[in-house]
Amino acid sequence: MQPLKKGTTNNIKEIYIMTKAEIINEIAKGTGVERIKVQSVVEGFMESVKNSLANGENVYLRGFGSFTVKTRAKKTARNISKNTTIVIPAHNVPAFKPAKTFIAKVSKEENL
């Protein structure tokens, strides 16, 4: 995992990020399946989730979480540099809600 420093000069916190390639390598090592096969499965999974959400279908993975589509309402915003008001139309955004077991595992490991 690659460290990513985030925070102010007084309070620097290291945050670790994991790339898709690192996830693929970890799964390949853990399962003994060839890396190229794992890559095609991971990419197929991501494509399937994107297609389902694009079609308005939610994706539920028991014990992991839910990928859903949320609708953002139309709103008025300000363009400060031009001092104008703009209207942002209603639009859909993807969202993820982790399962209770997912939250419990993250909370538990975070406290170590």
Protein backbone atom coordinates (compact mmCIF):
# COMPACT_ATOMS: atom_id res chain seq x y z
CA MET A 1 0.00 0.00 0.00
CA GLN A 2 1.16 3.48 -0.79
CA PRO A 3 1.28 6.04 2.03
CA LEU A 4 -0.55 9.28 1.42
CA LYS A 5 0.17 12.09 3.85
CA LYS A 6 -2.84 14.18 4.70
CA GLY A 7 -3.39 16.91 7.24
CA THR A 8 -1.99 20.18 8.47
CA THR A 9 1.63 20.83 9.43
CA ASN A 10 0.80 20.36 13.10
CA ASN A 11 -1.24 17.19 12.67
CA ILE A 12 0.06 15.01 9.83
CA LYS A 13 -1.68 11.68 9.51
CA GLU A 14 -0.52 8.91 7.21
CA ILE A 15 -3.31 7.33 5.22
CA TYR A 16 -2.63 4.18 3.25
CA ILE A 17 -4.31 3.62 -0.10
CA MET A 18 -4.55 0.33 -1.98
CA THR A 19 -4.63 0.36 -5.77
CA LYS A 20 -6.54 -2.02 -8.01
CA ALA A 21 -3.23 -3.67 -9.01
CA GLU A 22 -2.36 -4.28 -5.35
CA ILE A 23 -5.79 -5.81 -4.71
CA ILE A 24 -5.35 -8.10 -7.72
CA ASN A 25 -1.88 -9.17 -6.55
CA GLU A 26 -3.12 -9.85 -3.01
CA ILE A 27 -6.03 -11.99 -4.24
CA ALA A 28 -3.74 -13.89 -6.64
CA LYS A 29 -1.25 -14.66 -3.85
CA GLY A 30 -3.99 -15.66 -1.40
CA THR A 31 -5.87 -17.93 -3.79
CA GLY A 32 -3.07 -19.27 -5.99
CA VAL A 33 -5.01 -18.21 -9.11
CA GLU A 34 -3.05 -16.62 -11.94
CA ARG A 35 -2.87 -12.83 -11.75
CA ILE A 36 -4.36 -12.36 -15.24
CA LYS A 37 -7.43 -14.43 -14.31
CA VAL A 38 -7.91 -12.52 -11.08
CA GLN A 39 -7.59 -9.24 -13.00
CA SER A 40 -10.32 -10.24 -15.45
CA VAL A 41 -12.64 -11.25 -12.58
CA VAL A 42 -12.05 -8.02 -10.65
CA GLU A 43 -12.55 -5.87 -13.76
CA GLY A 44 -15.65 -7.90 -14.68
CA PHE A 45 -17.06 -7.36 -11.19
CA MET A 46 -16.50 -3.61 -11.38
CA GLU A 47 -18.03 -3.41 -14.86
CA SER A 48 -21.05 -5.41 -13.69
CA VAL A 49 -21.61 -3.07 -10.73
CA LYS A 50 -21.28 0.03 -12.97
CA ASN A 51 -23.72 -1.40 -15.53
CA SER A 52 -26.26 -2.34 -12.86
CA LEU A 53 -26.14 1.13 -11.30
CA ALA A 54 -26.37 2.78 -14.74
CA ASN A 55 -29.57 0.77 -15.31
CA GLY A 56 -30.99 1.93 -11.97
CA GLU A 57 -30.45 -1.44 -10.24
CA ASN A 58 -28.91 -1.63 -6.77
CA VAL A 59 -26.26 -4.24 -5.97
CA TYR A 60 -26.41 -5.98 -2.57
CA LEU A 61 -23.47 -8.07 -1.33
CA ARG A 62 -24.33 -9.77 1.97
CA GLY A 63 -21.66 -9.15 4.58
CA PHE A 64 -19.94 -6.49 2.44
CA GLY A 65 -22.38 -3.70 1.57
CA SER A 66 -24.73 -2.15 -0.95
CA PHE A 67 -24.01 -0.15 -4.07
CA THR A 68 -26.95 2.14 -4.73
CA VAL A 69 -27.98 5.08 -6.87
CA LYS A 70 -28.96 8.25 -5.03
CA THR A 71 -30.78 11.15 -6.66
CA ARG A 72 -29.53 14.63 -5.86
CA ALA A 73 -32.18 17.33 -6.09
CA LYS A 74 -31.90 20.44 -8.26
CA LYS A 75 -30.13 23.24 -6.42
CA THR A 76 -28.93 26.79 -6.85
CA ALA A 77 -25.22 27.53 -6.46
CA ARG A 78 -22.98 30.59 -6.71
CA ASN A 79 -20.06 31.10 -9.08
CA ILE A 80 -18.00 33.37 -6.86
CA SER A 81 -15.44 34.34 -9.51
CA LYS A 82 -18.14 35.64 -11.89
CA ASN A 83 -20.59 36.65 -9.13
CA THR A 84 -23.44 34.78 -10.80
CA THR A 85 -26.02 32.23 -9.73
CA ILE A 86 -26.16 28.90 -11.53
CA VAL A 87 -28.68 26.09 -11.37
CA ILE A 88 -27.35 22.58 -10.89
CA PRO A 89 -29.93 20.15 -12.31
CA ALA A 90 -31.10 17.04 -10.48
CA HIS A 91 -28.73 14.14 -11.10
CA ASN A 92 -27.90 10.61 -9.95
CA VAL A 93 -24.74 9.66 -8.06
CA PRO A 94 -23.41 6.23 -7.07
CA ALA A 95 -23.22 5.49 -3.35
CA PHE A 96 -21.88 2.67 -1.17
CA LYS A 97 -23.22 1.68 2.24
CA PRO A 98 -21.11 -0.88 4.11
CA ALA A 99 -22.75 -3.83 5.87
CA LYS A 100 -22.80 -3.98 9.69
CA THR A 101 -20.15 -6.73 9.71
CA PHE A 102 -17.93 -4.59 7.45
CA ILE A 103 -18.30 -1.60 9.80
CA ALA A 104 -17.61 -3.77 12.85
CA LYS A 105 -14.41 -5.18 11.33
CA VAL A 106 -13.09 -1.74 10.36
CA SER A 107 -13.96 -0.26 13.76
CA LYS A 108 -12.29 -3.17 15.56
CA GLU A 109 -9.05 -2.96 13.56
CA GLU A 110 -8.95 0.83 13.79
CA ASN A 111 -8.80 0.67 17.58
CA LEU A 112 -5.71 -1.57 17.66
